Amino acid sequence: MFLNPKQAIDEGWLRGVPLDHVQPNAVDIRASELYKVRKDSDFELYHEKKSHRARDKVDDTAEALWSLKSNNVYDFVSPAYVEMPDGVVGWLVTRSTLNRNGVFVLSGLYDSGFKGHINGMLYNLIGHTLIQPESRVAQFIMASSDSFGKYMGGYNTDEGQLPEQMG
């Protein structure tokens, strides 16, 4: 069952989301920073470790718009911060406007115990795309979960801190 998004804000475990971003079943998530994932870098995944592809910060000062080139992947950072309580799980879904234009948002699962900014990946599949910083690009959905423990992994961060692979 999806959880009431306003309840998450009222209880303080979801922060940095303006009340006008609360939808009936989710909260709108803004992109406040953007990083282009470099195609010329390697990603390695082993049983006990991983190394991420390099990322370059996309500058938004020149035109106040981000220029997303076709067939590229971008990592975005949101000002929304979550501390997922026991028995709650969350994930991002693409907003319909982006979906209708060939731009998709994906994220991993936000397990019970996760602490960090809500971030995701923008996949620009076709054509040139311009996005103004702070635009709403995704919705964060939360659901009840019969969790098997709490997330204790390396993606947990303090509020205002970026995950290691981005900063």
C-alpha atoms as a PDB file:
ATOM      1  CA  MET A   1       0.000   0.000   0.000  1.00  0.00           C
ATOM      2  CA  PHE A   2       1.299   3.470  -0.886  1.00  0.00           C
ATOM      3  CA  LEU A   3       1.792   5.753   2.094  1.00  0.00           C
ATOM      4  CA  ASN A   4       0.370   9.249   2.432  1.00  0.00           C
ATOM      5  CA  PRO A   5       3.226  11.543   1.301  1.00  0.00           C
ATOM      6  CA  LYS A   6       2.111  14.394   3.591  1.00  0.00           C
ATOM      7  CA  GLN A   7       2.473  12.078   6.581  1.00  0.00           C
ATOM      8  CA  ALA A   8       6.150  11.498   5.719  1.00  0.00           C
ATOM      9  CA  ILE A   9       6.745  15.266   5.782  1.00  0.00           C
ATOM     10  CA  ASP A  10       4.683  15.818   8.943  1.00  0.00           C
ATOM     11  CA  GLU A  11       6.595  13.082  10.760  1.00  0.00           C
ATOM     12  CA  GLY A  12       9.935  14.631   9.699  1.00  0.00           C
ATOM     13  CA  TRP A  13      11.514  11.711   7.902  1.00  0.00           C
ATOM     14  CA  LEU A  14      11.092  13.407   4.517  1.00  0.00           C
ATOM     15  CA  ARG A  15      12.497  16.936   4.353  1.00  0.00           C
ATOM     16  CA  GLY A  16      13.246  19.560   1.703  1.00  0.00           C
ATOM     17  CA  VAL A  17       9.954  19.074  -0.156  1.00  0.00           C
ATOM     18  CA  PRO A  18       7.698  22.162  -0.484  1.00  0.00           C
ATOM     19  CA  LEU A  19       4.071  21.467   0.389  1.00  0.00           C
ATOM     20  CA  ASP A  20       2.966  22.405  -3.130  1.00  0.00           C
ATOM     21  CA  HIS A  21       5.061  19.436  -4.376  1.00  0.00           C
ATOM     22  CA  VAL A  22       2.899  16.949  -2.463  1.00  0.00           C
ATOM     23  CA  GLN A  23       0.720  14.921  -4.817  1.00  0.00           C
ATOM     24  CA  PRO A  24      -2.080  12.497  -3.875  1.00  0.00           C
ATOM     25  CA  ASN A  25       0.251   9.456  -3.764  1.00  0.00           C
ATOM     26  CA  ALA A  26       3.803  10.793  -4.042  1.00  0.00           C
ATOM     27  CA  VAL A  27       5.966  13.910  -3.787  1.00  0.00           C
ATOM     28  CA  ASP A  28       7.472  15.718  -6.759  1.00  0.00           C
ATOM     29  CA  ILE A  29      11.269  15.643  -6.733  1.00  0.00           C
ATOM     30  CA  ARG A  30      13.338  18.513  -8.130  1.00  0.00           C
ATOM     31  CA  ALA A  31      16.766  18.288  -9.738  1.00  0.00           C
ATOM     32  CA  SER A  32      19.064  20.867  -8.157  1.00  0.00           C
ATOM     33  CA  GLU A  33      22.420  19.560  -9.438  1.00  0.00           C
ATOM     34  CA  LEU A  34      23.230  17.528 -12.526  1.00  0.00           C
ATOM     35  CA  TYR A  35      26.222  15.346 -13.430  1.00  0.00           C
ATOM     36  CA  LYS A  36      26.860  13.804 -16.845  1.00  0.00           C
ATOM     37  CA  VAL A  37      27.992  10.190 -16.635  1.00  0.00           C
ATOM     38  CA  ARG A  38      31.114   9.813 -18.748  1.00  0.00           C
ATOM     39  CA  LYS A  39      30.940   7.215 -21.498  1.00  0.00           C
ATOM     40  CA  ASP A  40      34.742   6.981 -21.653  1.00  0.00           C
ATOM     41  CA  SER A  41      35.086   5.679 -18.096  1.00  0.00           C
ATOM     42  CA  ASP A  42      34.741   2.176 -16.748  1.00  0.00           C
ATOM     43  CA  PHE A  43      32.300   0.699 -14.270  1.00  0.00           C
ATOM     44  CA  GLU A  44      33.442  -2.332 -12.310  1.00  0.00           C
ATOM     45  CA  LEU A  45      31.353  -4.562 -10.073  1.00  0.00           C
ATOM     46  CA  TYR A  46      32.836  -7.321  -7.954  1.00  0.00           C
ATOM     47  CA  HIS A  47      31.403  -9.438  -5.145  1.00  0.00           C
ATOM     48  CA  GLU A  48      32.845  -7.163  -2.459  1.00  0.00           C
ATOM     49  CA  LYS A  49      33.449  -3.797  -4.164  1.00  0.00           C
ATOM     50  CA  LYS A  50      32.511  -1.519  -7.036  1.00  0.00           C
ATOM     51  CA  SER A  51      33.879   1.497  -8.857  1.00  0.00           C
ATOM     52  CA  HIS A  52      31.525   3.925 -10.577  1.00  0.00           C
ATOM     53  CA  ARG A  53      31.872   5.657 -13.922  1.00  0.00           C
ATOM     54  CA  ALA A  54      33.287   9.175 -13.711  1.00  0.00           C
ATOM     55  CA  ARG A  55      30.848  12.081 -13.666  1.00  0.00           C
ATOM     56  CA  ASP A  56      31.249  15.704 -14.742  1.00  0.00           C
ATOM     57  CA  LYS A  57      29.119  18.422 -13.190  1.00  0.00           C
ATOM     58  CA  VAL A  58      26.847  20.128 -15.714  1.00  0.00           C
ATOM     59  CA  ASP A  59      27.216  23.897 -15.464  1.00  0.00           C
ATOM     60  CA  ASP A  60      23.943  25.787 -15.198  1.00  0.00           C
ATOM     61  CA  THR A  61      25.279  29.323 -14.891  1.00  0.00           C
ATOM     62  CA  ALA A  62      25.543  30.314 -18.547  1.00  0.00           C
ATOM     63  CA  GLU A  63      21.936  30.041 -19.741  1.00  0.00           C
ATOM     64  CA  ALA A  64      20.120  28.895 -16.591  1.00  0.00           C
ATOM     65  CA  LEU A  65      19.273  25.693 -18.502  1.00  0.00           C
ATOM     66  CA  TRP A  66      20.855  22.273 -18.543  1.00  0.00           C
ATOM     67  CA  SER A  67      21.461  20.890 -22.023  1.00  0.00           C
ATOM     68  CA  LEU A  68      20.984  17.114 -22.128  1.00  0.00           C
ATOM     69  CA  LYS A  69      22.321  15.470 -25.237  1.00  0.00           C
ATOM     70  CA  SER A  70      20.599  12.466 -26.811  1.00  0.00           C
ATOM     71  CA  ASN A  71      21.689   8.976 -25.710  1.00  0.00           C
ATOM     72  CA  ASN A  72      23.363  10.202 -22.539  1.00  0.00           C
ATOM     73  CA  VAL A  73      22.868   9.441 -18.867  1.00  0.00           C
ATOM     74  CA  TYR A  74      22.827  12.080 -16.134  1.00  0.00           C
ATOM     75  CA  ASP A  75      22.946  11.749 -12.350  1.00  0.00           C
ATOM     76  CA  PHE A  76      20.777  14.314 -10.571  1.00  0.00           C
ATOM     77  CA  VAL A  77      20.762  15.499  -6.968  1.00  0.00           C
ATOM     78  CA  SER A  78      17.603  16.634  -5.237  1.00  0.00           C
ATOM     79  CA  PRO A  79      17.247  18.903  -2.200  1.00  0.00           C
ATOM     80  CA  ALA A  80      14.790  16.324  -0.767  1.00  0.00           C
ATOM     81  CA  TYR A  81      16.323  14.338   2.091  1.00  0.00           C
ATOM     82  CA  VAL A  82      14.882  11.149   3.526  1.00  0.00           C
ATOM     83  CA  GLU A  83      15.518   8.960   6.544  1.00  0.00           C
ATOM     84  CA  MET A  84      13.527   5.846   5.694  1.00  0.00           C
ATOM     85  CA  PRO A  85      11.884   4.447   8.833  1.00  0.00           C
ATOM     86  CA  ASP A  86      11.405   0.771   9.645  1.00  0.00           C
ATOM     87  CA  GLY A  87       8.704  -0.806   7.547  1.00  0.00           C
ATOM     88  CA  VAL A  88       8.859   1.765   4.734  1.00  0.00           C
ATOM     89  CA  VAL A  89      10.375   1.507   1.259  1.00  0.00           C
ATOM     90  CA  GLY A  90      10.510   4.110  -1.519  1.00  0.00           C
ATOM     91  CA  TRP A  91      11.399   4.532  -5.170  1.00  0.00           C
ATOM     92  CA  LEU A  92      11.346   7.127  -7.948  1.00  0.00           C
ATOM     93  CA  VAL A  93       9.118   7.151 -10.995  1.00  0.00           C
ATOM     94  CA  THR A  94       9.396   9.429 -14.019  1.00  0.00           C
ATOM     95  CA  ARG A  95       7.024  12.374 -14.252  1.00  0.00           C
ATOM     96  CA  SER A  96       4.689  11.965 -17.200  1.00  0.00           C
ATOM     97  CA  THR A  97       5.954  15.047 -19.092  1.00  0.00           C
ATOM     98  CA  LEU A  98       9.475  13.620 -19.270  1.00  0.00           C
ATOM     99  CA  ASN A  99       8.155  10.152 -20.076  1.00  0.00           C
ATOM    100  CA  ARG A 100       6.199  11.508 -23.066  1.00  0.00           C
ATOM    101  CA  ASN A 101       9.382  13.095 -24.399  1.00  0.00           C
ATOM    102  CA  GLY A 102      11.772  10.163 -24.186  1.00  0.00           C
ATOM    103  CA  VAL A 103      13.462  11.138 -20.918  1.00  0.00           C
ATOM    104  CA  PHE A 104      13.286   8.578 -18.122  1.00  0.00           C
ATOM    105  CA  VAL A 105      14.190   8.633 -14.438  1.00  0.00           C
ATOM    106  CA  LEU A 106      15.297   5.542 -12.573  1.00  0.00           C
ATOM    107  CA  SER A 107      16.697   4.908  -9.132  1.00  0.00           C
ATOM    108  CA  GLY A 108      17.517   2.037  -6.910  1.00  0.00           C
ATOM    109  CA  LEU A 109      15.207   1.061  -4.082  1.00  0.00           C
ATOM    110  CA  TYR A 110      15.202   3.258  -0.982  1.00  0.00           C
ATOM    111  CA  ASP A 111      15.243   0.577   1.716  1.00  0.00           C
ATOM    112  CA  SER A 112      14.203   0.932   5.337  1.00  0.00           C
ATOM    113  CA  GLY A 113      17.193   2.481   7.102  1.00  0.00           C
ATOM    114  CA  PHE A 114      18.432   4.500   4.101  1.00  0.00           C
ATOM    115  CA  LYS A 115      19.471   8.096   4.906  1.00  0.00           C
ATOM    116  CA  GLY A 116      20.323  10.539   2.160  1.00  0.00           C
ATOM    117  CA  HIS A 117      19.211  12.903  -0.538  1.00  0.00           C
ATOM    118  CA  ILE A 118      16.790  11.511  -3.084  1.00  0.00           C
ATOM    119  CA  ASN A 119      18.816  11.223  -6.275  1.00  0.00           C
ATOM    120  CA  GLY A 120      18.266   9.456  -9.551  1.00  0.00           C
ATOM    121  CA  MET A 121      19.427   8.919 -13.075  1.00  0.00           C
ATOM    122  CA  LEU A 122      18.020  10.798 -16.085  1.00  0.00           C
ATOM    123  CA  TYR A 123      18.187   8.854 -19.357  1.00  0.00           C
ATOM    124  CA  ASN A 124      17.758  11.089 -22.403  1.00  0.00           C
ATOM    125  CA  LEU A 125      16.950   8.604 -25.146  1.00  0.00           C
ATOM    126  CA  ILE A 126      16.054  10.823 -28.089  1.00  0.00           C
ATOM    127  CA  GLY A 127      16.730  14.386 -29.189  1.00  0.00           C
ATOM    128  CA  HIS A 128      18.143  17.390 -27.420  1.00  0.00           C
ATOM    129  CA  THR A 129      16.536  18.258 -24.072  1.00  0.00           C
ATOM    130  CA  LEU A 130      16.687  21.475 -22.060  1.00  0.00           C
ATOM    131  CA  ILE A 131      15.816  21.399 -18.362  1.00  0.00           C
ATOM    132  CA  GLN A 132      15.819  24.338 -15.991  1.00  0.00           C
ATOM    133  CA  PRO A 133      17.529  23.603 -12.658  1.00  0.00           C
ATOM    134  CA  GLU A 134      15.047  22.994  -9.819  1.00  0.00           C
ATOM    135  CA  SER A 135      12.502  21.530 -12.254  1.00  0.00           C
ATOM    136  CA  ARG A 136      10.367  18.639 -11.058  1.00  0.00           C
ATOM    137  CA  VAL A 137      11.667  15.522 -12.803  1.00  0.00           C
ATOM    138  CA  ALA A 138      10.387  12.572 -10.746  1.00  0.00           C
ATOM    139  CA  GLN A 139       7.945  11.470  -8.089  1.00  0.00           C
ATOM    140  CA  PHE A 140       8.972   9.669  -4.904  1.00  0.00           C
ATOM    141  CA  ILE A 141       6.566   6.928  -3.872  1.00  0.00           C
ATOM    142  CA  MET A 142       6.597   5.290  -0.458  1.00  0.00           C
ATOM    143  CA  ALA A 143       4.991   2.022   0.568  1.00  0.00           C
ATOM    144  CA  SER A 144       4.740  -0.108   3.671  1.00  0.00           C
ATOM    145  CA  SER A 145       7.105  -3.056   3.766  1.00  0.00           C
ATOM    146  CA  ASP A 146       7.599  -6.108   5.920  1.00  0.00           C
ATOM    147  CA  SER A 147      11.331  -5.339   5.934  1.00  0.00           C
ATOM    148  CA  PHE A 148      14.051  -7.868   6.685  1.00  0.00           C
ATOM    149  CA  GLY A 149      16.352  -5.547   8.629  1.00  0.00           C
ATOM    150  CA  LYS A 150      17.648  -2.076   7.776  1.00  0.00           C
ATOM    151  CA  TYR A 151      19.909  -0.738   5.033  1.00  0.00           C
ATOM    152  CA  MET A 152      23.407  -0.136   6.408  1.00  0.00           C
ATOM    153  CA  GLY A 153      25.294   0.390   3.134  1.00  0.00           C
ATOM    154  CA  GLY A 154      27.691   2.967   1.839  1.00  0.00           C
ATOM    155  CA  TYR A 155      25.113   5.194   0.151  1.00  0.00           C
ATOM    156  CA  ASN A 156      23.857   6.540   3.497  1.00  0.00           C
ATOM    157  CA  THR A 157      24.821  10.223   3.821  1.00  0.00           C
ATOM    158  CA  ASP A 158      24.122  13.159   6.077  1.00  0.00           C
ATOM    159  CA  GLU A 159      21.865  15.981   4.954  1.00  0.00           C
ATOM    160  CA  GLY A 160      23.733  18.276   2.537  1.00  0.00           C
ATOM    161  CA  GLN A 161      26.327  15.583   1.714  1.00  0.00           C
ATOM    162  CA  LEU A 162      26.683  13.988  -1.736  1.00  0.00           C
ATOM    163  CA  PRO A 163      27.274  10.279  -2.258  1.00  0.00           C
ATOM    164  CA  GLU A 164      30.975   9.512  -2.690  1.00  0.00           C
ATOM    165  CA  GLN A 165      30.740   8.633  -6.394  1.00  0.00           C
ATOM    166  CA  MET A 166      29.344  12.074  -7.278  1.00  0.00           C
ATOM    167  CA  GLY A 167      31.308  14.665  -5.360  1.00  0.00           C
END
